Amino acid sequence: MSFPNKVDDTEIFDLFGPRIQFLTPLSDSDGDYCLIRGTLPAGAVVPLHSHTERETFHVLEGEIEGYLEDHWTTLNVGEVFDVPGGLKHGWRNPSRASALVLIVVPMRLGRFLREIGRPLATVEPGPPMPGDLQRFVELAHVYGYWLGSAADNAAAGLPSG
């Protein structure tokens, strides 16, 4: 798969609630890093998952909660949440306002996010279609990523389904 050298800074991708916008172009080099602007709407949840790649989040606006391994941390503007590769983590925005984060990930994870992302302009209102969720699960498996079960998410205080 080939990736463009230029960033289309107007294209926003939906990740089943949270939204991302690539600030740097994607490349085929796993040694490169990707910079992403992420928006977590009020009430948004990112279920438990893990991947070998490290992720770093910097809160630009709002407040979010990050789950790492076994506990929640509240993150406010200016705070950084660094997730080493291989650790179980998740996100939630329990507030009434959207939160904006700057995300730094290795290129491999950036490519995964682009593959599962749906151009916002094409997303129908309402919950994701079963085919979209099936594709997400299949791609996570191809990449070797772990997805928490309903029981894992419920144990962490996240909606289980």
C-alpha atoms as a PDB file:
ATOM      1  CA  MET A   1       0.000   0.000   0.000  1.00  0.00           C
ATOM      2  CA  SER A   2       1.307   3.453  -0.882  1.00  0.00           C
ATOM      3  CA  PHE A   3       0.757   6.505   1.280  1.00  0.00           C
ATOM      4  CA  PRO A   4       0.710  10.125   0.099  1.00  0.00           C
ATOM      5  CA  ASN A   5       3.651  12.442   0.740  1.00  0.00           C
ATOM      6  CA  LYS A   6       1.364  15.392   1.421  1.00  0.00           C
ATOM      7  CA  VAL A   7      -1.065  15.692   4.312  1.00  0.00           C
ATOM      8  CA  ASP A   8      -4.647  16.625   3.506  1.00  0.00           C
ATOM      9  CA  ASP A   9      -5.227  18.604   6.686  1.00  0.00           C
ATOM     10  CA  THR A  10      -8.929  18.864   6.014  1.00  0.00           C
ATOM     11  CA  GLU A  11      -9.662  15.121   6.137  1.00  0.00           C
ATOM     12  CA  ILE A  12     -10.925  13.883   9.484  1.00  0.00           C
ATOM     13  CA  PHE A  13     -11.439  10.200  10.271  1.00  0.00           C
ATOM     14  CA  ASP A  14     -14.000   8.726  12.628  1.00  0.00           C
ATOM     15  CA  LEU A  15     -12.807   5.902  14.907  1.00  0.00           C
ATOM     16  CA  PHE A  16     -16.274   4.890  16.119  1.00  0.00           C
ATOM     17  CA  GLY A  17     -16.712   8.113  18.109  1.00  0.00           C
ATOM     18  CA  PRO A  18     -13.262   9.621  18.599  1.00  0.00           C
ATOM     19  CA  ARG A  19     -11.933  11.494  15.570  1.00  0.00           C
ATOM     20  CA  ILE A  20      -8.430  11.897  14.244  1.00  0.00           C
ATOM     21  CA  GLN A  21      -6.669  14.132  11.762  1.00  0.00           C
ATOM     22  CA  PHE A  22      -3.156  13.320  10.546  1.00  0.00           C
ATOM     23  CA  LEU A  23      -0.780  16.273  10.911  1.00  0.00           C
ATOM     24  CA  THR A  24       2.171  14.494   9.298  1.00  0.00           C
ATOM     25  CA  PRO A  25       2.053  12.274   6.241  1.00  0.00           C
ATOM     26  CA  LEU A  26       1.999   8.518   6.614  1.00  0.00           C
ATOM     27  CA  SER A  27       4.971   6.586   5.283  1.00  0.00           C
ATOM     28  CA  ASP A  28       5.936   2.954   4.789  1.00  0.00           C
ATOM     29  CA  SER A  29       8.881   3.300   7.213  1.00  0.00           C
ATOM     30  CA  ASP A  30       8.151   1.766  10.609  1.00  0.00           C
ATOM     31  CA  GLY A  31      11.000   3.862  12.039  1.00  0.00           C
ATOM     32  CA  ASP A  32       9.115   7.112  11.399  1.00  0.00           C
ATOM     33  CA  TYR A  33       6.673   8.774  13.771  1.00  0.00           C
ATOM     34  CA  CYS A  34       3.230  10.158  13.080  1.00  0.00           C
ATOM     35  CA  LEU A  35       1.639  13.237  14.640  1.00  0.00           C
ATOM     36  CA  ILE A  36      -2.161  13.180  14.989  1.00  0.00           C
ATOM     37  CA  ARG A  37      -4.787  15.590  16.315  1.00  0.00           C
ATOM     38  CA  GLY A  38      -7.448  13.652  18.194  1.00  0.00           C
ATOM     39  CA  THR A  39     -10.877  14.743  19.364  1.00  0.00           C
ATOM     40  CA  LEU A  40     -12.765  12.813  22.020  1.00  0.00           C
ATOM     41  CA  PRO A  41     -16.360  14.043  22.012  1.00  0.00           C
ATOM     42  CA  ALA A  42     -18.208  14.262  25.329  1.00  0.00           C
ATOM     43  CA  GLY A  43     -18.987  10.733  26.474  1.00  0.00           C
ATOM     44  CA  ALA A  44     -16.564   9.093  24.016  1.00  0.00           C
ATOM     45  CA  VAL A  45     -14.926   5.834  25.036  1.00  0.00           C
ATOM     46  CA  VAL A  46     -11.941   3.973  23.615  1.00  0.00           C
ATOM     47  CA  PRO A  47     -12.225   0.397  24.938  1.00  0.00           C
ATOM     48  CA  LEU A  48      -9.304  -1.494  26.445  1.00  0.00           C
ATOM     49  CA  HIS A  49      -6.652  -2.573  23.991  1.00  0.00           C
ATOM     50  CA  SER A  50      -2.898  -2.975  23.646  1.00  0.00           C
ATOM     51  CA  HIS A  51      -0.310  -2.920  20.889  1.00  0.00           C
ATOM     52  CA  THR A  52       3.459  -3.186  20.711  1.00  0.00           C
ATOM     53  CA  GLU A  53       3.853   0.455  19.718  1.00  0.00           C
ATOM     54  CA  ARG A  54       4.281   3.268  22.220  1.00  0.00           C
ATOM     55  CA  GLU A  55       1.701   6.097  22.217  1.00  0.00           C
ATOM     56  CA  THR A  56       2.058   9.537  23.759  1.00  0.00           C
ATOM     57  CA  PHE A  57      -0.902  11.868  24.332  1.00  0.00           C
ATOM     58  CA  HIS A  58      -0.742  15.585  25.196  1.00  0.00           C
ATOM     59  CA  VAL A  59      -4.021  17.189  26.294  1.00  0.00           C
ATOM     60  CA  LEU A  60      -4.596  20.484  24.448  1.00  0.00           C
ATOM     61  CA  GLU A  61      -8.213  21.181  25.491  1.00  0.00           C
ATOM     62  CA  GLY A  62     -10.632  19.657  27.959  1.00  0.00           C
ATOM     63  CA  GLU A  63     -10.192  16.791  30.359  1.00  0.00           C
ATOM     64  CA  ILE A  64     -10.009  13.048  29.717  1.00  0.00           C
ATOM     65  CA  GLU A  65      -9.370   9.931  31.727  1.00  0.00           C
ATOM     66  CA  GLY A  66      -6.789   7.376  30.702  1.00  0.00           C
ATOM     67  CA  TYR A  67      -6.694   3.793  31.935  1.00  0.00           C
ATOM     68  CA  LEU A  68      -3.291   2.104  32.126  1.00  0.00           C
ATOM     69  CA  GLU A  69      -3.000  -1.531  33.231  1.00  0.00           C
ATOM     70  CA  ASP A  70      -5.160  -1.302  36.381  1.00  0.00           C
ATOM     71  CA  HIS A  71      -6.075   2.301  37.225  1.00  0.00           C
ATOM     72  CA  TRP A  72      -7.549   5.518  35.866  1.00  0.00           C
ATOM     73  CA  THR A  73      -5.707   8.839  35.649  1.00  0.00           C
ATOM     74  CA  THR A  74      -7.435  12.178  35.043  1.00  0.00           C
ATOM     75  CA  LEU A  75      -5.606  14.305  32.490  1.00  0.00           C
ATOM     76  CA  ASN A  76      -6.022  18.057  32.179  1.00  0.00           C
ATOM     77  CA  VAL A  77      -4.743  20.636  29.703  1.00  0.00           C
ATOM     78  CA  GLY A  78      -0.957  20.493  29.387  1.00  0.00           C
ATOM     79  CA  GLU A  79      -0.599  17.003  30.830  1.00  0.00           C
ATOM     80  CA  VAL A  80       1.024  14.105  29.014  1.00  0.00           C
ATOM     81  CA  PHE A  81       0.019  10.445  29.162  1.00  0.00           C
ATOM     82  CA  ASP A  82       2.704   8.116  27.859  1.00  0.00           C
ATOM     83  CA  VAL A  83       1.693   4.526  27.120  1.00  0.00           C
ATOM     84  CA  PRO A  84       4.615   2.126  26.662  1.00  0.00           C
ATOM     85  CA  GLY A  85       4.079  -0.614  24.095  1.00  0.00           C
ATOM     86  CA  GLY A  86       2.339  -3.776  25.232  1.00  0.00           C
ATOM     87  CA  LEU A  87       0.356  -2.272  28.123  1.00  0.00           C
ATOM     88  CA  LYS A  88      -3.431  -2.479  28.320  1.00  0.00           C
ATOM     89  CA  HIS A  89      -5.023   0.955  28.112  1.00  0.00           C
ATOM     90  CA  GLY A  90      -8.222   2.785  27.255  1.00  0.00           C
ATOM     91  CA  TRP A  91      -9.793   6.234  27.286  1.00  0.00           C
ATOM     92  CA  ARG A  92     -12.967   7.975  28.237  1.00  0.00           C
ATOM     93  CA  ASN A  93     -14.275  11.507  28.228  1.00  0.00           C
ATOM     94  CA  PRO A  94     -16.846  11.689  31.019  1.00  0.00           C
ATOM     95  CA  SER A  95     -17.233  15.456  30.669  1.00  0.00           C
ATOM     96  CA  ARG A  96     -19.857  17.439  28.791  1.00  0.00           C
ATOM     97  CA  ALA A  97     -17.303  18.973  26.422  1.00  0.00           C
ATOM     98  CA  SER A  98     -15.033  17.592  23.723  1.00  0.00           C
ATOM     99  CA  ALA A  99     -11.362  17.125  24.501  1.00  0.00           C
ATOM    100  CA  LEU A 100      -8.521  17.748  22.073  1.00  0.00           C
ATOM    101  CA  VAL A 101      -5.285  15.772  22.248  1.00  0.00           C
ATOM    102  CA  LEU A 102      -2.061  15.684  20.305  1.00  0.00           C
ATOM    103  CA  ILE A 103      -0.983  12.082  19.699  1.00  0.00           C
ATOM    104  CA  VAL A 104       2.463  10.807  18.734  1.00  0.00           C
ATOM    105  CA  VAL A 105       2.669   7.229  17.477  1.00  0.00           C
ATOM    106  CA  PRO A 106       5.071   5.130  15.427  1.00  0.00           C
ATOM    107  CA  MET A 107       4.139   4.959  11.758  1.00  0.00           C
ATOM    108  CA  ARG A 108       2.867   1.366  11.944  1.00  0.00           C
ATOM    109  CA  LEU A 109       0.186   2.374  14.450  1.00  0.00           C
ATOM    110  CA  GLY A 110      -0.603   5.464  12.374  1.00  0.00           C
ATOM    111  CA  ARG A 111      -1.210   3.255   9.335  1.00  0.00           C
ATOM    112  CA  PHE A 112      -3.503   1.006  11.401  1.00  0.00           C
ATOM    113  CA  LEU A 113      -5.529   4.005  12.577  1.00  0.00           C
ATOM    114  CA  ARG A 114      -5.856   5.216   8.996  1.00  0.00           C
ATOM    115  CA  GLU A 115      -7.000   1.774   7.845  1.00  0.00           C
ATOM    116  CA  ILE A 116      -9.719   1.511  10.493  1.00  0.00           C
ATOM    117  CA  GLY A 117     -10.707   5.164  10.242  1.00  0.00           C
ATOM    118  CA  ARG A 118     -13.758   6.132   8.243  1.00  0.00           C
ATOM    119  CA  PRO A 119     -13.703   9.521   6.483  1.00  0.00           C
ATOM    120  CA  LEU A 120     -16.022  11.620   8.631  1.00  0.00           C
ATOM    121  CA  ALA A 121     -17.906  12.864   5.580  1.00  0.00           C
ATOM    122  CA  THR A 122     -19.014   9.273   4.842  1.00  0.00           C
ATOM    123  CA  VAL A 123     -20.121   8.269   8.346  1.00  0.00           C
ATOM    124  CA  GLU A 124     -23.849   7.786   8.836  1.00  0.00           C
ATOM    125  CA  PRO A 125     -25.374   9.015  12.126  1.00  0.00           C
ATOM    126  CA  GLY A 126     -25.868   6.317  14.751  1.00  0.00           C
ATOM    127  CA  PRO A 127     -23.820   3.351  15.876  1.00  0.00           C
ATOM    128  CA  PRO A 128     -21.219   1.779  13.555  1.00  0.00           C
ATOM    129  CA  MET A 129     -22.405  -0.820  11.099  1.00  0.00           C
ATOM    130  CA  PRO A 130     -21.560  -4.476  11.930  1.00  0.00           C
ATOM    131  CA  GLY A 131     -19.302  -4.645   8.864  1.00  0.00           C
ATOM    132  CA  ASP A 132     -17.247  -1.692  10.132  1.00  0.00           C
ATOM    133  CA  LEU A 133     -16.759  -3.368  13.508  1.00  0.00           C
ATOM    134  CA  GLN A 134     -15.901  -6.711  11.874  1.00  0.00           C
ATOM    135  CA  ARG A 135     -13.282  -5.007   9.698  1.00  0.00           C
ATOM    136  CA  PHE A 136     -11.812  -3.311  12.786  1.00  0.00           C
ATOM    137  CA  VAL A 137     -11.516  -6.621  14.656  1.00  0.00           C
ATOM    138  CA  GLU A 138      -9.979  -8.344  11.631  1.00  0.00           C
ATOM    139  CA  LEU A 139      -7.397  -5.584  11.125  1.00  0.00           C
ATOM    140  CA  ALA A 140      -6.521  -5.573  14.828  1.00  0.00           C
ATOM    141  CA  HIS A 141      -5.870  -9.312  14.540  1.00  0.00           C
ATOM    142  CA  VAL A 142      -3.715  -8.841  11.412  1.00  0.00           C
ATOM    143  CA  TYR A 143      -1.627  -6.215  13.229  1.00  0.00           C
ATOM    144  CA  GLY A 144      -1.357  -8.444  16.326  1.00  0.00           C
ATOM    145  CA  TYR A 145      -3.230  -6.046  18.616  1.00  0.00           C
ATOM    146  CA  TRP A 146      -5.140  -7.183  21.706  1.00  0.00           C
ATOM    147  CA  LEU A 147      -8.745  -6.026  22.155  1.00  0.00           C
ATOM    148  CA  GLY A 148     -10.360  -6.257  25.575  1.00  0.00           C
ATOM    149  CA  SER A 149     -13.442  -8.424  25.978  1.00  0.00           C
ATOM    150  CA  ALA A 150     -16.747  -7.116  27.294  1.00  0.00           C
ATOM    151  CA  ALA A 151     -15.758  -8.497  30.716  1.00  0.00           C
ATOM    152  CA  ASP A 152     -12.320  -6.794  30.571  1.00  0.00           C
ATOM    153  CA  ASN A 153     -13.946  -3.453  29.776  1.00  0.00           C
ATOM    154  CA  ALA A 154     -16.648  -3.834  32.421  1.00  0.00           C
ATOM    155  CA  ALA A 155     -13.978  -4.635  35.040  1.00  0.00           C
ATOM    156  CA  ALA A 156     -12.235  -1.367  34.113  1.00  0.00           C
ATOM    157  CA  GLY A 157     -15.465   0.617  34.400  1.00  0.00           C
ATOM    158  CA  LEU A 158     -16.079   0.941  30.666  1.00  0.00           C
ATOM    159  CA  PRO A 159     -19.314   0.094  28.876  1.00  0.00           C
ATOM    160  CA  SER A 160     -19.273  -3.601  27.981  1.00  0.00           C
ATOM    161  CA  GLY A 161     -21.251  -3.442  24.810  1.00  0.00           C
END
